[in-house]
Amino acid sequence: MDDNQVRERLTQVEEAVRRAGDVLTRMREDNDRLRREVKRLEDERRQVVSQVDAILRDIAKLDLAGG
């Protein structure tokens, strides 16, 4: 391998490393975004469960009062 081939290969490797770094940055950003979304959905789920529980308690009270 002559010097030109080595330089060309080194340039290719450097470019591949740069692209990999860019991909990693995007993946970290996506991961952060997805973690926030999961947290939001977990919070929303807890709220819905609480609302359903309250509705079921109200229905149970109606059944007791009416029955």
N, C-alpha and C. Protein backbone atom coordinates (compact mmCIF):
# COMPACT_ATOMS: atom_id res chain seq x y z
N MET A 1 0.85 -1.17 0.00
CA MET A 1 0.00 0.00 0.00
C MET A 1 0.90 1.24 0.00
N ASP A 2 0.67 2.16 -0.96
CA ASP A 2 1.49 3.36 -0.98
C ASP A 2 0.86 4.46 -0.13
N ASP A 3 1.57 5.58 0.02
CA ASP A 3 1.10 6.67 0.89
C ASP A 3 -0.25 7.22 0.46
N ASN A 4 -0.50 7.32 -0.83
CA ASN A 4 -1.79 7.85 -1.31
C ASN A 4 -2.93 6.94 -0.91
N GLN A 5 -2.72 5.65 -1.03
CA GLN A 5 -3.76 4.69 -0.64
C GLN A 5 -4.03 4.76 0.87
N VAL A 6 -2.95 4.90 1.64
CA VAL A 6 -3.09 4.99 3.09
C VAL A 6 -3.87 6.26 3.45
N ARG A 7 -3.51 7.38 2.82
CA ARG A 7 -4.22 8.65 3.08
C ARG A 7 -5.69 8.55 2.68
N GLU A 8 -5.95 7.94 1.54
CA GLU A 8 -7.33 7.78 1.08
C GLU A 8 -8.12 6.92 2.05
N ARG A 9 -7.50 5.82 2.48
CA ARG A 9 -8.19 4.93 3.43
C ARG A 9 -8.41 5.65 4.76
N LEU A 10 -7.43 6.41 5.22
CA LEU A 10 -7.57 7.17 6.45
C LEU A 10 -8.70 8.18 6.34
N THR A 11 -8.81 8.83 5.20
CA THR A 11 -9.90 9.77 4.96
C THR A 11 -11.24 9.05 5.02
N GLN A 12 -11.33 7.87 4.44
CA GLN A 12 -12.57 7.09 4.48
C GLN A 12 -12.93 6.70 5.92
N VAL A 13 -11.92 6.29 6.67
CA VAL A 13 -12.16 5.89 8.06
C VAL A 13 -12.61 7.10 8.88
N GLU A 14 -11.96 8.24 8.69
CA GLU A 14 -12.34 9.45 9.41
C GLU A 14 -13.77 9.86 9.08
N GLU A 15 -14.16 9.75 7.83
CA GLU A 15 -15.53 10.08 7.43
C GLU A 15 -16.52 9.10 8.05
N ALA A 16 -16.16 7.83 8.07
CA ALA A 16 -17.04 6.84 8.69
C ALA A 16 -17.19 7.11 10.18
N VAL A 17 -16.13 7.49 10.85
CA VAL A 17 -16.19 7.82 12.27
C VAL A 17 -17.07 9.04 12.48
N ARG A 18 -16.96 10.05 11.62
CA ARG A 18 -17.80 11.25 11.73
C ARG A 18 -19.26 10.89 11.56
N ARG A 19 -19.57 10.06 10.55
CA ARG A 19 -20.95 9.65 10.33
C ARG A 19 -21.48 8.85 11.52
N ALA A 20 -20.66 7.97 12.06
CA ALA A 20 -21.07 7.18 13.23
C ALA A 20 -21.35 8.11 14.41
N GLY A 21 -20.52 9.13 14.59
CA GLY A 21 -20.75 10.11 15.66
C GLY A 21 -22.06 10.84 15.47
N ASP A 22 -22.35 11.22 14.24
CA ASP A 22 -23.62 11.89 13.93
C ASP A 22 -24.81 10.98 14.24
N VAL A 23 -24.69 9.71 13.87
CA VAL A 23 -25.76 8.74 14.13
C VAL A 23 -25.96 8.57 15.64
N LEU A 24 -24.86 8.47 16.37
CA LEU A 24 -24.95 8.32 17.82
C LEU A 24 -25.64 9.54 18.46
N THR A 25 -25.31 10.71 17.97
CA THR A 25 -25.95 11.92 18.50
C THR A 25 -27.45 11.88 18.25
N ARG A 26 -27.86 11.52 17.04
CA ARG A 26 -29.29 11.42 16.72
C ARG A 26 -29.96 10.34 17.57
N MET A 27 -29.28 9.23 17.76
CA MET A 27 -29.86 8.14 18.55
C MET A 27 -30.03 8.58 20.01
N ARG A 28 -29.07 9.31 20.55
CA ARG A 28 -29.20 9.81 21.93
C ARG A 28 -30.37 10.77 22.04
N GLU A 29 -30.51 11.64 21.04
CA GLU A 29 -31.64 12.58 21.05
C GLU A 29 -32.96 11.83 20.96
N ASP A 30 -33.02 10.82 20.08
CA ASP A 30 -34.24 10.01 19.95
C ASP A 30 -34.53 9.27 21.26
N ASN A 31 -33.49 8.74 21.87
CA ASN A 31 -33.66 8.02 23.13
C ASN A 31 -34.21 8.95 24.22
N ASP A 32 -33.66 10.15 24.30
CA ASP A 32 -34.16 11.13 25.28
C ASP A 32 -35.62 11.47 25.01
N ARG A 33 -35.94 11.67 23.75
CA ARG A 33 -37.32 12.00 23.37
C ARG A 33 -38.26 10.85 23.72
N LEU A 34 -37.83 9.64 23.43
CA LEU A 34 -38.67 8.47 23.72
C LEU A 34 -38.84 8.27 25.23
N ARG A 35 -37.80 8.52 26.00
CA ARG A 35 -37.92 8.42 27.45
C ARG A 35 -38.93 9.43 27.99
N ARG A 36 -38.89 10.65 27.46
CA ARG A 36 -39.87 11.66 27.88
C ARG A 36 -41.28 11.24 27.50
N GLU A 37 -41.43 10.67 26.32
CA GLU A 37 -42.74 10.21 25.86
C GLU A 37 -43.26 9.07 26.74
N VAL A 38 -42.39 8.13 27.09
CA VAL A 38 -42.79 7.03 27.98
C VAL A 38 -43.23 7.58 29.33
N LYS A 39 -42.49 8.53 29.87
CA LYS A 39 -42.85 9.14 31.15
C LYS A 39 -44.22 9.81 31.05
N ARG A 40 -44.44 10.54 29.97
CA ARG A 40 -45.72 11.21 29.77
C ARG A 40 -46.86 10.19 29.70
N LEU A 41 -46.64 9.12 28.95
CA LEU A 41 -47.67 8.08 28.82
C LEU A 41 -47.91 7.36 30.14
N GLU A 42 -46.85 7.13 30.91
CA GLU A 42 -47.04 6.51 32.23
C GLU A 42 -47.88 7.42 33.13
N ASP A 43 -47.58 8.71 33.10
CA ASP A 43 -48.36 9.67 33.90
C ASP A 43 -49.82 9.69 33.45
N GLU A 44 -50.02 9.70 32.14
CA GLU A 44 -51.37 9.71 31.59
C GLU A 44 -52.12 8.43 32.00
N ARG A 45 -51.44 7.31 31.94
CA ARG A 45 -52.06 6.04 32.32
C ARG A 45 -52.48 6.07 33.79
N ARG A 46 -51.61 6.57 34.66
CA ARG A 46 -51.95 6.66 36.08
C ARG A 46 -53.19 7.53 36.28
N GLN A 47 -53.28 8.62 35.55
CA GLN A 47 -54.44 9.51 35.67
C GLN A 47 -55.72 8.80 35.22
N VAL A 48 -55.63 8.08 34.11
CA VAL A 48 -56.80 7.37 33.59
C VAL A 48 -57.24 6.28 34.57
N VAL A 49 -56.27 5.55 35.11
CA VAL A 49 -56.60 4.50 36.08
C VAL A 49 -57.29 5.12 37.30
N SER A 50 -56.80 6.25 37.76
CA SER A 50 -57.43 6.92 38.90
C SER A 50 -58.85 7.34 38.57
N GLN A 51 -59.05 7.86 37.37
CA GLN A 51 -60.39 8.27 36.96
C GLN A 51 -61.33 7.07 36.87
N VAL A 52 -60.86 5.98 36.32
CA VAL A 52 -61.68 4.77 36.20
C VAL A 52 -62.01 4.24 37.59
N ASP A 53 -61.02 4.24 38.48
CA ASP A 53 -61.28 3.79 39.85
C ASP A 53 -62.34 4.65 40.52
N ALA A 54 -62.27 5.96 40.34
CA ALA A 54 -63.26 6.86 40.92
C ALA A 54 -64.65 6.58 40.35
N ILE A 55 -64.73 6.34 39.05
CA ILE A 55 -66.01 6.04 38.41
C ILE A 55 -66.56 4.73 38.97
N LEU A 56 -65.70 3.72 39.11
CA LEU A 56 -66.15 2.44 39.64
C LEU A 56 -66.63 2.57 41.09
N ARG A 57 -65.95 3.37 41.89
CA ARG A 57 -66.40 3.61 43.27
C ARG A 57 -67.77 4.28 43.27
N ASP A 58 -67.95 5.27 42.38
CA ASP A 58 -69.25 5.95 42.29
C ASP A 58 -70.35 4.96 41.88
N ILE A 59 -70.06 4.10 40.94
CA ILE A 59 -71.04 3.10 40.49
C ILE A 59 -71.36 2.15 41.64
N ALA A 60 -70.33 1.74 42.39
CA ALA A 60 -70.55 0.85 43.52
C ALA A 60 -71.44 1.52 44.56
N LYS A 61 -71.25 2.82 44.80
CA LYS A 61 -72.09 3.55 45.75
C LYS A 61 -73.55 3.59 45.26
N LEU A 62 -73.71 3.80 43.97
CA LEU A 62 -75.07 3.82 43.41
C LEU A 62 -75.73 2.46 43.57
N ASP A 63 -74.97 1.39 43.32
CA ASP A 63 -75.53 0.05 43.46
C ASP A 63 -75.94 -0.22 44.90
N LEU A 64 -75.14 0.23 45.85
CA LEU A 64 -75.45 0.02 47.27
C LEU A 64 -76.65 0.84 47.69
N ALA A 65 -76.72 2.06 47.20
CA ALA A 65 -77.81 2.95 47.57
C ALA A 65 -79.13 2.48 46.92
N GLY A 66 -79.05 1.97 45.72
CA GLY A 66 -80.25 1.58 45.00
C GLY A 66 -80.69 0.16 45.27
N GLY A 67 -79.80 -0.65 45.77
CA GLY A 67 -80.12 -2.05 45.88
C GLY A 67 -80.55 -2.47 47.20
